[in-house]
Amino acid sequence: MKLAVVVGDQPADVIRLMPAWTDARRAVPGLTVTVLGSPVALALAARHDAVMRGIRVNMVDWAGSGWSWRQY
């Protein structure tokens, strides 16, 4: 199973989702979580222990051609 999570620029948006990432990885064998967002959000997400143990932070796809980060 694959899950993509898009996070906003605010630390509170990222921090409150972190326990859910950890719980999901424990509960669903083989789950792949990809986190998409701005460089600020991804830097914060990358500090989380669950991310360091297998949650992918994907800045290349988000920042690539045709994509831009904008707060709505």
PDB file of N, CA and C in Angstrom:
ATOM      1  N   MET A   1       0.845  -1.166   0.000  1.00  0.00           N
ATOM      2  CA  MET A   1       0.000   0.000   0.000  1.00  0.00           C
ATOM      3  C   MET A   1       0.895   1.235   0.000  1.00  0.00           C
ATOM      4  N   LYS A   2       0.465   2.257  -0.735  1.00  0.00           N
ATOM      5  CA  LYS A   2       1.214   3.507  -0.795  1.00  0.00           C
ATOM      6  C   LYS A   2       0.329   4.651  -0.330  1.00  0.00           C
ATOM      7  N   LEU A   3       0.938   5.591   0.372  1.00  0.00           N
ATOM      8  CA  LEU A   3       0.227   6.760   0.883  1.00  0.00           C
ATOM      9  C   LEU A   3       1.071   7.990   0.601  1.00  0.00           C
ATOM     10  N   ALA A   4       0.469   9.015   0.002  1.00  0.00           N
ATOM     11  CA  ALA A   4       1.152  10.292  -0.218  1.00  0.00           C
ATOM     12  C   ALA A   4       0.528  11.320   0.710  1.00  0.00           C
ATOM     13  N   VAL A   5       1.362  12.057   1.411  1.00  0.00           N
ATOM     14  CA  VAL A   5       0.909  13.085   2.342  1.00  0.00           C
ATOM     15  C   VAL A   5       1.470  14.418   1.875  1.00  0.00           C
ATOM     16  N   VAL A   6       0.596  15.393   1.657  1.00  0.00           N
ATOM     17  CA  VAL A   6       1.021  16.741   1.282  1.00  0.00           C
ATOM     18  C   VAL A   6       0.895  17.613   2.522  1.00  0.00           C
ATOM     19  N   VAL A   7       2.003  18.243   2.913  1.00  0.00           N
ATOM     20  CA  VAL A   7       2.012  19.052   4.131  1.00  0.00           C
ATOM     21  C   VAL A   7       2.199  20.524   3.795  1.00  0.00           C
ATOM     22  N   GLY A   8       1.652  21.377   4.664  1.00  0.00           N
ATOM     23  CA  GLY A   8       1.784  22.824   4.509  1.00  0.00           C
ATOM     24  C   GLY A   8       3.083  23.335   5.096  1.00  0.00           C
ATOM     25  N   ASP A   9       3.244  24.635   5.068  1.00  0.00           N
ATOM     26  CA  ASP A   9       4.477  25.279   5.518  1.00  0.00           C
ATOM     27  C   ASP A   9       4.540  25.495   7.028  1.00  0.00           C
ATOM     28  N   GLN A  10       3.413  25.418   7.709  1.00  0.00           N
ATOM     29  CA  GLN A  10       3.382  25.702   9.140  1.00  0.00           C
ATOM     30  C   GLN A  10       3.856  24.492   9.942  1.00  0.00           C
ATOM     31  N   PRO A  11       4.762  24.698  10.891  1.00  0.00           N
ATOM     32  CA  PRO A  11       5.236  23.572  11.706  1.00  0.00           C
ATOM     33  C   PRO A  11       4.111  22.789  12.364  1.00  0.00           C
ATOM     34  N   ALA A  12       3.063  23.475  12.809  1.00  0.00           N
ATOM     35  CA  ALA A  12       1.948  22.779  13.460  1.00  0.00           C
ATOM     36  C   ALA A  12       1.266  21.803  12.504  1.00  0.00           C
ATOM     37  N   ASP A  13       1.225  22.135  11.224  1.00  0.00           N
ATOM     38  CA  ASP A  13       0.619  21.232  10.238  1.00  0.00           C
ATOM     39  C   ASP A  13       1.418  19.947  10.100  1.00  0.00           C
ATOM     40  N   VAL A  14       2.729  20.067  10.167  1.00  0.00           N
ATOM     41  CA  VAL A  14       3.601  18.906  10.004  1.00  0.00           C
ATOM     42  C   VAL A  14       3.660  18.094  11.292  1.00  0.00           C
ATOM     43  N   ILE A  15       3.856  18.771  12.417  1.00  0.00           N
ATOM     44  CA  ILE A  15       4.044  18.093  13.704  1.00  0.00           C
ATOM     45  C   ILE A  15       2.835  17.256  14.087  1.00  0.00           C
ATOM     46  N   ARG A  16       1.635  17.760  13.869  1.00  0.00           N
ATOM     47  CA  ARG A  16       0.449  17.005  14.308  1.00  0.00           C
ATOM     48  C   ARG A  16       0.218  15.745  13.482  1.00  0.00           C
ATOM     49  N   LEU A  17       0.827  15.656  12.300  1.00  0.00           N
ATOM     50  CA  LEU A  17       0.687  14.457  11.475  1.00  0.00           C
ATOM     51  C   LEU A  17       1.727  13.385  11.777  1.00  0.00           C
ATOM     52  N   MET A  18       2.812  13.755  12.422  1.00  0.00           N
ATOM     53  CA  MET A  18       3.912  12.818  12.646  1.00  0.00           C
ATOM     54  C   MET A  18       3.505  11.552  13.397  1.00  0.00           C
ATOM     55  N   PRO A  19       2.718  11.643  14.480  1.00  0.00           N
ATOM     56  CA  PRO A  19       2.313  10.401  15.152  1.00  0.00           C
ATOM     57  C   PRO A  19       1.494   9.482  14.244  1.00  0.00           C
ATOM     58  N   ALA A  20       0.711  10.061  13.355  1.00  0.00           N
ATOM     59  CA  ALA A  20      -0.083   9.242  12.436  1.00  0.00           C
ATOM     60  C   ALA A  20       0.819   8.476  11.477  1.00  0.00           C
ATOM     61  N   TRP A  21       1.902   9.094  11.025  1.00  0.00           N
ATOM     62  CA  TRP A  21       2.842   8.395  10.143  1.00  0.00           C
ATOM     63  C   TRP A  21       3.442   7.200  10.864  1.00  0.00           C
ATOM     64  N   THR A  22       3.849   7.416  12.116  1.00  0.00           N
ATOM     65  CA  THR A  22       4.443   6.338  12.905  1.00  0.00           C
ATOM     66  C   THR A  22       3.443   5.208  13.108  1.00  0.00           C
ATOM     67  N   ASP A  23       2.214   5.538  13.514  1.00  0.00           N
ATOM     68  CA  ASP A  23       1.187   4.528  13.753  1.00  0.00           C
ATOM     69  C   ASP A  23       0.850   3.762  12.480  1.00  0.00           C
ATOM     70  N   ALA A  24       0.759   4.470  11.375  1.00  0.00           N
ATOM     71  CA  ALA A  24       0.420   3.815  10.108  1.00  0.00           C
ATOM     72  C   ALA A  24       1.510   2.832   9.695  1.00  0.00           C
ATOM     73  N   ARG A  25       2.762   3.210   9.858  1.00  0.00           N
ATOM     74  CA  ARG A  25       3.870   2.312   9.489  1.00  0.00           C
ATOM     75  C   ARG A  25       3.860   1.059  10.352  1.00  0.00           C
ATOM     76  N   ARG A  26       3.487   1.204  11.614  1.00  0.00           N
ATOM     77  CA  ARG A  26       3.442   0.036  12.508  1.00  0.00           C
ATOM     78  C   ARG A  26       2.241  -0.854  12.203  1.00  0.00           C
ATOM     79  N   ALA A  27       1.113  -0.253  11.841  1.00  0.00           N
ATOM     80  CA  ALA A  27      -0.135  -0.996  11.683  1.00  0.00           C
ATOM     81  C   ALA A  27      -0.284  -1.676  10.326  1.00  0.00           C
ATOM     82  N   VAL A  28       0.340  -1.134   9.299  1.00  0.00           N
ATOM     83  CA  VAL A  28       0.145  -1.657   7.944  1.00  0.00           C
ATOM     84  C   VAL A  28       1.479  -2.169   7.405  1.00  0.00           C
ATOM     85  N   PRO A  29       1.671  -3.485   7.395  1.00  0.00           N
ATOM     86  CA  PRO A  29       2.919  -4.038   6.879  1.00  0.00           C
ATOM     87  C   PRO A  29       3.134  -3.645   5.413  1.00  0.00           C
ATOM     88  N   GLY A  30       4.335  -3.214   5.099  1.00  0.00           N
ATOM     89  CA  GLY A  30       4.673  -2.854   3.730  1.00  0.00           C
ATOM     90  C   GLY A  30       4.191  -1.488   3.280  1.00  0.00           C
ATOM     91  N   LEU A  31       3.623  -0.705   4.185  1.00  0.00           N
ATOM     92  CA  LEU A  31       3.132   0.626   3.822  1.00  0.00           C
ATOM     93  C   LEU A  31       4.290   1.527   3.412  1.00  0.00           C
ATOM     94  N   THR A  32       4.122   2.221   2.294  1.00  0.00           N
ATOM     95  CA  THR A  32       5.083   3.214   1.840  1.00  0.00           C
ATOM     96  C   THR A  32       4.433   4.582   1.975  1.00  0.00           C
ATOM     97  N   VAL A  33       5.057   5.467   2.733  1.00  0.00           N
ATOM     98  CA  VAL A  33       4.548   6.822   2.919  1.00  0.00           C
ATOM     99  C   VAL A  33       5.510   7.781   2.237  1.00  0.00           C
ATOM    100  N   THR A  34       4.980   8.633   1.367  1.00  0.00           N
ATOM    101  CA  THR A  34       5.768   9.674   0.718  1.00  0.00           C
ATOM    102  C   THR A  34       5.225  11.018   1.175  1.00  0.00           C
ATOM    103  N   VAL A  35       6.098  11.869   1.675  1.00  0.00           N
ATOM    104  CA  VAL A  35       5.704  13.191   2.158  1.00  0.00           C
ATOM    105  C   VAL A  35       6.102  14.224   1.116  1.00  0.00           C
ATOM    106  N   LEU A  36       5.144  15.021   0.680  1.00  0.00           N
ATOM    107  CA  LEU A  36       5.362  16.078  -0.306  1.00  0.00           C
ATOM    108  C   LEU A  36       5.110  17.425   0.355  1.00  0.00           C
ATOM    109  N   GLY A  37       5.881  18.429  -0.009  1.00  0.00           N
ATOM    110  CA  GLY A  37       5.653  19.761   0.542  1.00  0.00           C
ATOM    111  C   GLY A  37       6.775  20.712   0.221  1.00  0.00           C
ATOM    112  N   SER A  38       6.730  21.845   0.871  1.00  0.00           N
ATOM    113  CA  SER A  38       7.747  22.874   0.650  1.00  0.00           C
ATOM    114  C   SER A  38       9.054  22.471   1.327  1.00  0.00           C
ATOM    115  N   PRO A  39      10.161  23.096   0.955  1.00  0.00           N
ATOM    116  CA  PRO A  39      11.435  22.793   1.611  1.00  0.00           C
ATOM    117  C   PRO A  39      11.386  22.990   3.126  1.00  0.00           C
ATOM    118  N   VAL A  40      10.650  23.991   3.601  1.00  0.00           N
ATOM    119  CA  VAL A  40      10.530  24.248   5.045  1.00  0.00           C
ATOM    120  C   VAL A  40       9.836  23.078   5.730  1.00  0.00           C
ATOM    121  N   ALA A  41       8.721  22.649   5.180  1.00  0.00           N
ATOM    122  CA  ALA A  41       7.965  21.544   5.772  1.00  0.00           C
ATOM    123  C   ALA A  41       8.752  20.243   5.724  1.00  0.00           C
ATOM    124  N   LEU A  42       9.435  19.990   4.623  1.00  0.00           N
ATOM    125  CA  LEU A  42      10.179  18.742   4.483  1.00  0.00           C
ATOM    126  C   LEU A  42      11.382  18.686   5.411  1.00  0.00           C
ATOM    127  N   ALA A  43      12.009  19.827   5.652  1.00  0.00           N
ATOM    128  CA  ALA A  43      13.132  19.858   6.596  1.00  0.00           C
ATOM    129  C   ALA A  43      12.653  19.477   7.988  1.00  0.00           C
ATOM    130  N   LEU A  44      11.475  19.950   8.373  1.00  0.00           N
ATOM    131  CA  LEU A  44      10.918  19.608   9.680  1.00  0.00           C
ATOM    132  C   LEU A  44      10.511  18.137   9.714  1.00  0.00           C
ATOM    133  N   ALA A  45       9.849  17.672   8.682  1.00  0.00           N
ATOM    134  CA  ALA A  45       9.405  16.279   8.639  1.00  0.00           C
ATOM    135  C   ALA A  45      10.579  15.316   8.687  1.00  0.00           C
ATOM    136  N   ALA A  46      11.671  15.678   8.054  1.00  0.00           N
ATOM    137  CA  ALA A  46      12.839  14.795   7.998  1.00  0.00           C
ATOM    138  C   ALA A  46      13.485  14.586   9.360  1.00  0.00           C
ATOM    139  N   ARG A  47      13.183  15.436  10.323  1.00  0.00           N
ATOM    140  CA  ARG A  47      13.741  15.284  11.677  1.00  0.00           C
ATOM    141  C   ARG A  47      13.000  14.242  12.504  1.00  0.00           C
ATOM    142  N   HIS A  48      11.832  13.826  12.058  1.00  0.00           N
ATOM    143  CA  HIS A  48      11.017  12.882  12.817  1.00  0.00           C
ATOM    144  C   HIS A  48      11.616  11.480  12.732  1.00  0.00           C
ATOM    145  N   ASP A  49      11.633  10.783  13.835  1.00  0.00           N
ATOM    146  CA  ASP A  49      12.256   9.467  13.925  1.00  0.00           C
ATOM    147  C   ASP A  49      11.658   8.460  12.938  1.00  0.00           C
ATOM    148  N   ALA A  50      10.349   8.478  12.763  1.00  0.00           N
ATOM    149  CA  ALA A  50       9.720   7.536  11.829  1.00  0.00           C
ATOM    150  C   ALA A  50      10.162   7.803  10.400  1.00  0.00           C
ATOM    151  N   VAL A  51      10.404   9.056  10.079  1.00  0.00           N
ATOM    152  CA  VAL A  51      10.873   9.394   8.737  1.00  0.00           C
ATOM    153  C   VAL A  51      12.263   8.821   8.534  1.00  0.00           C
ATOM    154  N   MET A  52      13.090   8.925   9.545  1.00  0.00           N
ATOM    155  CA  MET A  52      14.447   8.410   9.444  1.00  0.00           C
ATOM    156  C   MET A  52      14.452   6.891   9.294  1.00  0.00           C
ATOM    157  N   ARG A  53      13.365   6.226   9.688  1.00  0.00           N
ATOM    158  CA  ARG A  53      13.284   4.774   9.603  1.00  0.00           C
ATOM    159  C   ARG A  53      12.388   4.298   8.468  1.00  0.00           C
ATOM    160  N   GLY A  54      12.239   5.062   7.405  1.00  0.00           N
ATOM    161  CA  GLY A  54      11.559   4.498   6.247  1.00  0.00           C
ATOM    162  C   GLY A  54      10.488   5.333   5.585  1.00  0.00           C
ATOM    163  N   ILE A  55      10.151   6.497   6.092  1.00  0.00           N
ATOM    164  CA  ILE A  55       9.183   7.334   5.395  1.00  0.00           C
ATOM    165  C   ILE A  55       9.955   8.230   4.440  1.00  0.00           C
ATOM    166  N   ARG A  56       9.557   8.220   3.212  1.00  0.00           N
ATOM    167  CA  ARG A  56      10.271   8.924   2.157  1.00  0.00           C
ATOM    168  C   ARG A  56       9.835  10.386   2.101  1.00  0.00           C
ATOM    169  N   VAL A  57      10.787  11.290   2.106  1.00  0.00           N
ATOM    170  CA  VAL A  57      10.516  12.709   1.911  1.00  0.00           C
ATOM    171  C   VAL A  57      10.903  13.025   0.476  1.00  0.00           C
ATOM    172  N   ASN A  58       9.918  13.406  -0.319  1.00  0.00           N
ATOM    173  CA  ASN A  58      10.114  13.527  -1.753  1.00  0.00           C
ATOM    174  C   ASN A  58      10.043  14.989  -2.181  1.00  0.00           C
ATOM    175  N   MET A  59      11.199  15.650  -2.265  1.00  0.00           N
ATOM    176  CA  MET A  59      11.227  17.032  -2.692  1.00  0.00           C
ATOM    177  C   MET A  59      11.477  17.138  -4.191  1.00  0.00           C
ATOM    178  N   VAL A  60      12.080  16.154  -4.785  1.00  0.00           N
ATOM    179  CA  VAL A  60      12.410  16.215  -6.206  1.00  0.00           C
ATOM    180  C   VAL A  60      11.139  16.254  -7.056  1.00  0.00           C
ATOM    181  N   ASP A  61      10.205  15.338  -6.806  1.00  0.00           N
ATOM    182  CA  ASP A  61       8.976  15.309  -7.598  1.00  0.00           C
ATOM    183  C   ASP A  61       8.146  16.568  -7.394  1.00  0.00           C
ATOM    184  N   TRP A  62       8.100  17.058  -6.169  1.00  0.00           N
ATOM    185  CA  TRP A  62       7.287  18.232  -5.870  1.00  0.00           C
ATOM    186  C   TRP A  62       7.884  19.481  -6.492  1.00  0.00           C
ATOM    187  N   ALA A  63       9.202  19.611  -6.468  1.00  0.00           N
ATOM    188  CA  ALA A  63       9.856  20.824  -6.942  1.00  0.00           C
ATOM    189  C   ALA A  63      10.240  20.743  -8.415  1.00  0.00           C
ATOM    190  N   GLY A  64       9.932  19.630  -9.049  1.00  0.00           N
ATOM    191  CA  GLY A  64      10.321  19.465 -10.442  1.00  0.00           C
ATOM    192  C   GLY A  64       9.504  20.318 -11.397  1.00  0.00           C
ATOM    193  N   SER A  65       9.771  20.168 -12.656  1.00  0.00           N
ATOM    194  CA  SER A  65       9.102  20.938 -13.696  1.00  0.00           C
ATOM    195  C   SER A  65       7.586  20.771 -13.604  1.00  0.00           C
ATOM    196  N   GLY A  66       6.874  21.871 -13.687  1.00  0.00           N
ATOM    197  CA  GLY A  66       5.422  21.827 -13.651  1.00  0.00           C
ATOM    198  C   GLY A  66       4.823  21.911 -12.267  1.00  0.00           C
ATOM    199  N   TRP A  67       5.633  21.856 -11.229  1.00  0.00           N
ATOM    200  CA  TRP A  67       5.141  21.941  -9.856  1.00  0.00           C
ATOM    201  C   TRP A  67       5.661  23.202  -9.200  1.00  0.00           C
ATOM    202  N   SER A  68       4.850  23.780  -8.373  1.00  0.00           N
ATOM    203  CA  SER A  68       5.315  24.897  -7.549  1.00  0.00           C
ATOM    204  C   SER A  68       4.561  24.855  -6.235  1.00  0.00           C
ATOM    205  N   TRP A  69       5.193  25.330  -5.197  1.00  0.00           N
ATOM    206  CA  TRP A  69       4.578  25.374  -3.883  1.00  0.00           C
ATOM    207  C   TRP A  69       3.949  26.744  -3.706  1.00  0.00           C
ATOM    208  N   ARG A  70       2.696  26.762  -3.352  1.00  0.00           N
ATOM    209  CA  ARG A  70       2.013  28.021  -3.095  1.00  0.00           C
ATOM    210  C   ARG A  70       1.019  27.804  -1.960  1.00  0.00           C
ATOM    211  N   GLN A  71       1.012  28.692  -0.998  1.00  0.00           N
ATOM    212  CA  GLN A  71       0.065  28.608   0.119  1.00  0.00           C
ATOM    213  C   GLN A  71      -1.266  29.204  -0.334  1.00  0.00           C
ATOM    214  N   TYR A  72      -2.333  28.437  -0.237  1.00  0.00           N
ATOM    215  CA  TYR A  72      -3.655  28.938  -0.623  1.00  0.00           C
ATOM    216  C   TYR A  72      -4.444  29.308   0.588  1.00  0.00           C
TER     217      TYR A  72
END
